[in-house]
Amino acid sequence: MHRPVQWNYAAGAKRKSEFGIHGCPKEKTPGYYQKQKEDGASPATKRKWGVVPNKVMKINYTELGKRIKQVREEREISQEKLAEIAGILIQKVSEIENGKTKMKLQEFMNIADALDTTIDVLLFGK
């Protein structure tokens, strides 16, 4: 008498097509994961396989604010003028320079443009 197959999802298979005889997962050939990488697996799966680095850049907003202030003073631009050119509030410029607030990417790009410098200089220094 033949027993019905029970799908053993806990054994590592995700779909019925990955199961072999008796509900056990099929053997994965050496090229299986490489093919999955090329076929466009999800970003989380790619990180698990080591394809996409899982790095996040930490920003020190106090240091960033000091650099913005230093460049602004070198260019002899007031906070009011910087705020006007960058399209943000004067209070926001002050808070950014003191490291009390974060800024949106667009605001950061506008500040860099207003100071006629690159984002790299503001993030990492000279």
Protein backbone atom coordinates (compact mmCIF):
# COMPACT_ATOMS: atom_id res chain seq x y z
CA MET A 1 0.00 0.00 0.00
CA HIS A 2 1.33 3.42 -0.99
CA ARG A 3 1.29 6.28 1.50
CA PRO A 4 0.33 9.77 0.24
CA VAL A 5 3.24 12.18 -0.03
CA GLN A 6 3.42 14.83 2.66
CA TRP A 7 5.19 17.99 1.52
CA ASN A 8 7.99 18.67 3.96
CA TYR A 9 8.35 22.46 3.69
CA ALA A 10 10.49 22.54 6.83
CA ALA A 11 13.18 20.60 4.95
CA GLY A 12 14.02 23.68 2.86
CA ALA A 13 11.93 23.45 -0.30
CA LYS A 14 9.74 26.39 -1.27
CA ARG A 15 7.56 24.99 -4.06
CA LYS A 16 6.18 21.57 -4.94
CA SER A 17 8.43 21.55 -8.02
CA GLU A 18 11.47 21.45 -5.72
CA PHE A 19 10.38 18.20 -4.09
CA GLY A 20 11.67 14.83 -5.19
CA ILE A 21 10.48 11.38 -4.31
CA HIS A 22 8.64 10.92 -1.00
CA GLY A 23 8.30 14.66 -0.40
CA CYS A 24 12.00 15.29 0.25
CA PRO A 25 13.63 18.32 -1.34
CA LYS A 26 15.46 17.67 -4.61
CA GLU A 27 19.23 17.88 -4.66
CA LYS A 28 20.41 21.27 -5.80
CA THR A 29 23.04 21.05 -8.52
CA PRO A 30 26.17 23.23 -8.20
CA GLY A 31 24.84 25.67 -10.81
CA TYR A 32 21.42 26.00 -9.17
CA TYR A 33 22.20 29.06 -7.07
CA GLN A 34 24.20 30.73 -9.84
CA LYS A 35 21.20 30.37 -12.17
CA GLN A 36 18.94 31.85 -9.50
CA LYS A 37 21.30 34.83 -9.13
CA GLU A 38 21.22 35.46 -12.86
CA ASP A 39 17.44 35.02 -13.05
CA GLY A 40 16.87 37.88 -10.62
CA ALA A 41 16.25 36.61 -7.13
CA SER A 42 14.91 39.04 -4.53
CA PRO A 43 17.38 41.49 -2.92
CA ALA A 44 17.07 39.72 0.44
CA THR A 45 17.94 36.39 -1.17
CA LYS A 46 20.86 37.96 -3.03
CA ARG A 47 22.19 39.37 0.26
CA LYS A 48 21.88 35.90 1.79
CA TRP A 49 23.91 34.48 -1.09
CA GLY A 50 26.46 37.27 -0.81
CA VAL A 51 25.67 38.97 -4.11
CA VAL A 52 24.62 42.36 -2.74
CA PRO A 53 26.61 43.91 0.10
CA ASN A 54 24.47 44.81 3.09
CA LYS A 55 26.18 48.07 4.01
CA VAL A 56 24.63 51.23 5.31
CA MET A 57 26.57 54.47 5.54
CA LYS A 58 26.31 56.13 8.93
CA ILE A 59 26.27 59.93 8.75
CA ASN A 60 27.61 62.06 11.60
CA TYR A 61 25.29 65.07 11.31
CA THR A 62 27.34 67.16 13.74
CA GLU A 63 30.48 66.81 11.59
CA LEU A 64 28.45 67.36 8.42
CA GLY A 65 27.01 70.58 9.89
CA LYS A 66 30.48 71.79 10.86
CA ARG A 67 31.73 71.20 7.31
CA ILE A 68 28.74 73.04 5.81
CA LYS A 69 29.37 75.97 8.15
CA GLN A 70 33.10 75.98 7.36
CA VAL A 71 32.51 76.03 3.59
CA ARG A 72 29.80 78.69 3.97
CA GLU A 73 32.12 80.94 5.95
CA GLU A 74 34.99 80.38 3.46
CA ARG A 75 32.66 81.54 0.68
CA GLU A 76 31.53 84.49 2.84
CA ILE A 77 27.87 83.55 2.54
CA SER A 78 25.44 84.31 5.36
CA GLN A 79 22.93 81.77 6.66
CA GLU A 80 20.15 83.95 5.24
CA LYS A 81 21.70 83.97 1.77
CA LEU A 82 22.36 80.21 1.87
CA ALA A 83 18.77 79.56 2.93
CA GLU A 84 17.47 81.75 0.12
CA ILE A 85 19.64 80.10 -2.56
CA ALA A 86 19.00 76.54 -1.31
CA GLY A 87 15.26 77.14 -0.87
CA ILE A 88 15.07 76.23 2.81
CA LEU A 89 14.29 78.15 6.01
CA ILE A 90 16.99 80.12 7.86
CA GLN A 91 16.16 78.19 11.04
CA LYS A 92 16.72 74.90 9.17
CA VAL A 93 20.19 76.07 8.03
CA SER A 94 21.07 76.89 11.64
CA GLU A 95 19.80 73.51 12.88
CA ILE A 96 21.75 71.68 10.13
CA GLU A 97 24.99 73.52 10.96
CA ASN A 98 24.56 72.67 14.66
CA GLY A 99 23.79 69.00 13.91
CA LYS A 100 20.35 69.22 15.50
CA THR A 101 18.36 67.99 12.52
CA LYS A 102 18.63 65.71 9.54
CA MET A 103 17.97 66.93 6.02
CA LYS A 104 16.38 65.49 2.93
CA LEU A 105 18.63 64.46 0.07
CA GLN A 106 17.25 67.25 -2.12
CA GLU A 107 17.99 69.84 0.57
CA PHE A 108 21.53 68.49 0.89
CA MET A 109 22.05 68.69 -2.87
CA ASN A 110 20.67 72.25 -2.93
CA ILE A 111 23.06 73.29 -0.13
CA ALA A 112 26.03 71.76 -1.98
CA ASP A 113 25.00 73.59 -5.18
CA ALA A 114 24.49 76.86 -3.30
CA LEU A 115 27.97 76.54 -1.78
CA ASP A 116 29.42 75.61 -5.20
CA THR A 117 30.95 72.40 -3.84
CA THR A 118 30.40 68.67 -4.13
CA ILE A 119 28.53 66.39 -1.77
CA ASP A 120 31.77 64.43 -1.23
CA VAL A 121 33.51 67.48 0.22
CA LEU A 122 30.65 68.06 2.63
CA LEU A 123 30.37 64.39 3.66
CA PHE A 124 34.03 63.45 3.92
CA GLY A 125 35.96 66.72 4.07
CA LYS A 126 38.79 67.78 1.76
